[in-house]
Structures are given as C-alpha cells and as structure tokens.
C-alpha cells in the first residue's frame, strides 16, 4: 500500500465492536464485514443448519462467530498498523538518502539558470563563477545518485554552451 494513500489505510481499518455486533445479528455477518467471505459463508451456513436441526449448537456457534469476528478485526488493524509503520520507515529512509544525495538533473538546471542570468547581464562573470563554484562545492557534501560516467555525460550540454569550463569539470571529476 502506498504511504500517499493514507485514506485507504484508514478506510480499511475494522471496528472490532462493529464486527461483533454484525456477528450477533447473524453468525457470519461479522466475518463478511471483515472481508472474510468464505469463513462468513461457512458460519452462516452452519447457523442455518444448526437453527433447523441442532438449535442447541446455535449458541456456541454464535459465541464463536462473535469472538472470531472481533479477533479478526483486531488482527486486520494490527496488520494495517505494521504496514503503515513500514511505509513511514521507507519514506524516512528515502528522504534521508535524498537529503544526502543530489541528482545531476538538479545541478544542470541550477547551472543553466545562473548561466542564463549571466548571459542576460543580470549576473556579472564574477558572480556567475562564484555561484558555479558553490554548486560544485555542494557536490562534495551531497554525492550524486548517478555513477560518475552518467553524471559527466549529463554535463556535456553545459560544456558545449560554455556554462562549465575545463576547471569546473576538473573540480567535478575530483569530487566524483
């Protein structure tokens, strides 16, 4: 189940009290409520059979059905809680990795933006070089997701447009 679909997890939860009440109304209905259709069908059929021919057994069957429905509702909720906890842990791990890593696409976009500002005259050459230098320095703190070859390949258009020069590439290679 996807962590972004928290509503689905919450609507999948079962109320043990409601499951018990449904089983009290008719054996098997609590299991139907929980989504245990085969078990619910079996309880329902036995309730009919016991009601017709062996009515003294109907009470123990009803008690068993009520207890089973309650127990299964609790189990369903525990399973959902475990699943939700696992998804939260996975999301936290992903966010932790993302906070310590960078994508080459992000670097390319940033360099292209400051290069465009430089070419339009909004940044001086000194300001542009300073910002590029800062971006390259960040690579030593936030290692790239991609391997070195893929990372460098993505930088080719920046070299072709003169947004990155030979010194910039040397510094990037040293970090990779």
Protein backbone atom coordinates (compact mmCIF):
# COMPACT_ATOMS: atom_id res chain seq x y z
CA UNK A 1 0.00 0.00 0.00
CA UNK A 2 1.30 3.42 -0.83
CA UNK A 3 2.04 5.84 2.00
CA UNK A 4 0.43 8.61 -0.02
CA UNK A 5 -2.83 6.69 0.13
CA UNK A 6 -3.33 7.05 3.88
CA UNK A 7 -7.10 7.37 3.39
CA UNK A 8 -7.19 3.82 2.01
CA UNK A 9 -5.41 2.52 5.09
CA UNK A 10 -7.83 4.32 7.38
CA UNK A 11 -10.92 3.13 5.50
CA UNK A 12 -9.56 -0.44 5.57
CA UNK A 13 -9.47 -0.44 9.36
CA UNK A 14 -12.15 -2.55 11.01
CA UNK A 15 -14.02 -1.85 14.21
CA UNK A 16 -13.94 -4.92 16.46
CA UNK A 17 -17.20 -3.74 18.10
CA UNK A 18 -18.98 -3.45 14.74
CA UNK A 19 -17.70 -6.90 13.73
CA UNK A 20 -19.08 -8.33 16.97
CA UNK A 21 -22.45 -6.63 16.52
CA UNK A 22 -22.78 -7.95 12.96
CA UNK A 23 -21.97 -11.46 14.20
CA UNK A 24 -24.53 -11.03 16.96
CA UNK A 25 -27.15 -10.12 14.34
CA UNK A 26 -26.33 -13.29 12.39
CA UNK A 27 -23.40 -15.68 12.57
CA UNK A 28 -21.04 -14.94 9.69
CA UNK A 29 -22.01 -11.31 9.13
CA UNK A 30 -19.06 -10.09 11.23
CA UNK A 31 -16.73 -12.14 9.04
CA UNK A 32 -18.37 -10.62 5.95
CA UNK A 33 -17.74 -7.17 7.45
CA UNK A 34 -14.07 -8.08 7.91
CA UNK A 35 -13.81 -9.29 4.31
CA UNK A 36 -13.51 -12.98 5.28
CA UNK A 37 -16.23 -14.12 2.87
CA UNK A 38 -15.51 -17.86 2.88
CA UNK A 39 -15.40 -18.02 6.66
CA UNK A 40 -18.50 -15.84 6.88
CA UNK A 41 -20.31 -18.10 4.46
CA UNK A 42 -19.35 -21.17 6.48
CA UNK A 43 -20.57 -19.59 9.75
CA UNK A 44 -23.80 -18.51 8.05
CA UNK A 45 -24.48 -21.97 6.58
CA UNK A 46 -23.78 -23.68 9.91
CA UNK A 47 -26.08 -21.18 11.64
CA UNK A 48 -28.87 -22.11 9.24
CA UNK A 49 -28.22 -25.84 9.64
CA UNK A 50 -27.95 -25.64 13.42
CA UNK A 51 -31.05 -23.45 13.56
CA UNK A 52 -33.02 -26.04 11.61
CA UNK A 53 -31.86 -29.27 13.19
CA UNK A 54 -29.43 -28.76 16.04
CA UNK A 55 -30.57 -25.49 17.61
CA UNK A 56 -28.73 -26.12 20.95
CA UNK A 57 -25.47 -25.80 18.99
CA UNK A 58 -26.52 -22.42 17.64
CA UNK A 59 -25.49 -20.56 20.82
CA UNK A 60 -21.88 -21.88 20.90
CA UNK A 61 -21.64 -21.17 17.15
CA UNK A 62 -22.86 -17.60 17.68
CA UNK A 63 -20.36 -17.08 20.52
CA UNK A 64 -17.57 -18.49 18.37
CA UNK A 65 -18.61 -16.30 15.43
CA UNK A 66 -18.72 -13.18 17.61
CA UNK A 67 -15.30 -13.90 19.13
CA UNK A 68 -13.76 -14.74 15.77
CA UNK A 69 -15.11 -11.57 14.16
CA UNK A 70 -13.70 -9.43 16.97
CA UNK A 71 -10.33 -11.19 16.92
CA UNK A 72 -10.01 -10.90 13.14
CA UNK A 73 -10.90 -7.18 13.16
CA UNK A 74 -8.13 -6.60 15.72
CA UNK A 75 -5.68 -8.61 13.55
CA UNK A 76 -6.61 -6.61 10.43
CA UNK A 77 -5.93 -3.35 12.26
CA UNK A 78 -2.59 -4.64 13.58
CA UNK A 79 -1.57 -5.67 10.06
CA UNK A 80 -2.53 -2.23 8.74
CA UNK A 81 -0.58 -0.55 11.55
CA UNK A 82 2.52 -2.64 10.74
CA UNK A 83 2.16 -1.83 7.05
CA UNK A 84 1.78 1.87 7.76
CA UNK A 85 4.81 1.84 10.07
CA UNK A 86 6.87 0.08 7.39
CA UNK A 87 5.81 2.65 4.79
CA UNK A 88 6.71 5.51 7.12
CA UNK A 89 10.14 3.96 7.72
CA UNK A 90 10.68 3.54 3.97
CA UNK A 91 9.64 7.14 3.33
CA UNK A 92 12.01 8.36 6.05
CA UNK A 93 14.87 6.33 4.55
CA UNK A 94 14.14 7.76 1.11
CA UNK A 95 14.05 11.30 2.49
CA UNK A 96 17.29 10.70 4.39
CA UNK A 97 19.03 9.49 1.25
CA UNK A 98 17.61 12.40 -0.75
CA UNK A 99 18.92 14.86 1.82
CA UNK A 100 22.46 13.48 1.46
CA UNK A 101 22.44 13.00 -2.32
CA UNK A 102 21.96 15.15 -5.38
CA UNK A 103 20.73 14.45 -8.89
CA UNK A 104 22.68 15.57 -11.91
CA UNK A 105 19.45 16.97 -13.39
CA UNK A 106 19.16 19.34 -10.43
CA UNK A 107 22.73 20.55 -10.92
CA UNK A 108 22.19 21.01 -14.65
CA UNK A 109 19.04 23.09 -14.06
CA UNK A 110 20.78 25.29 -11.49
CA UNK A 111 23.80 25.88 -13.73
CA UNK A 112 21.56 26.63 -16.73
CA UNK A 113 19.61 29.18 -14.68
CA UNK A 114 22.63 31.07 -13.44
CA UNK A 115 24.20 30.82 -16.91
CA UNK A 116 21.07 32.42 -18.38
CA UNK A 117 21.27 35.18 -15.75
CA UNK A 118 24.92 35.73 -16.65
CA UNK A 119 24.23 35.86 -20.39
CA UNK A 120 21.35 38.30 -19.87
CA UNK A 121 23.63 40.60 -17.88
CA UNK A 122 21.84 40.12 -14.56
CA UNK A 123 24.92 38.39 -13.10
CA UNK A 124 28.46 39.50 -13.63
CA UNK A 125 31.05 36.93 -14.73
CA UNK A 126 32.49 37.00 -11.21
CA UNK A 127 29.08 36.36 -9.63
CA UNK A 128 28.42 33.57 -12.13
CA UNK A 129 31.77 31.86 -11.44
CA UNK A 130 31.19 32.18 -7.69
CA UNK A 131 27.78 30.53 -7.93
CA UNK A 132 29.09 27.70 -10.16
CA UNK A 133 31.94 27.17 -7.73
CA UNK A 134 29.48 26.98 -4.86
CA UNK A 135 27.36 24.39 -6.72
CA UNK A 136 30.44 22.27 -7.37
CA UNK A 137 31.43 22.55 -3.70
CA UNK A 138 28.00 21.21 -2.73
CA UNK A 139 28.81 18.03 -4.66
CA UNK A 140 31.39 17.11 -2.05
CA UNK A 141 28.67 17.33 0.63
CA UNK A 142 25.85 15.73 -1.37
CA UNK A 143 27.20 12.93 -3.51
CA UNK A 144 25.37 12.26 -6.78
CA UNK A 145 22.81 9.46 -7.22
CA UNK A 146 24.26 8.63 -10.62
CA UNK A 147 27.57 6.93 -11.31
CA UNK A 148 30.46 9.13 -12.48
CA UNK A 149 30.05 8.35 -16.20
CA UNK A 150 26.33 9.12 -16.24
CA UNK A 151 26.88 12.26 -14.20
CA UNK A 152 29.59 13.58 -16.53
CA UNK A 153 27.59 12.63 -19.64
CA UNK A 154 24.70 14.78 -18.44
CA UNK A 155 27.08 17.75 -18.19
CA UNK A 156 28.09 17.66 -21.89
CA UNK A 157 25.49 20.27 -22.97
CA UNK A 158 26.76 22.62 -20.25
CA UNK A 159 30.32 22.28 -21.53
CA UNK A 160 29.13 22.85 -25.09
CA UNK A 161 27.35 26.05 -24.07
CA UNK A 162 30.38 27.26 -22.07
CA UNK A 163 28.33 27.24 -18.86
CA UNK A 164 31.03 24.96 -17.44
CA UNK A 165 34.69 25.30 -18.28
CA UNK A 166 37.65 22.92 -18.02
CA UNK A 167 38.45 23.95 -14.45
CA UNK A 168 34.85 23.31 -13.42
CA UNK A 169 34.97 19.83 -14.97
CA UNK A 170 38.28 19.06 -13.25
CA UNK A 171 36.79 20.01 -9.89
CA UNK A 172 33.68 17.92 -10.57
CA UNK A 173 35.78 14.89 -11.57
CA UNK A 174 37.81 15.26 -8.38
CA UNK A 175 34.63 15.17 -6.31
CA UNK A 176 33.22 12.16 -8.18
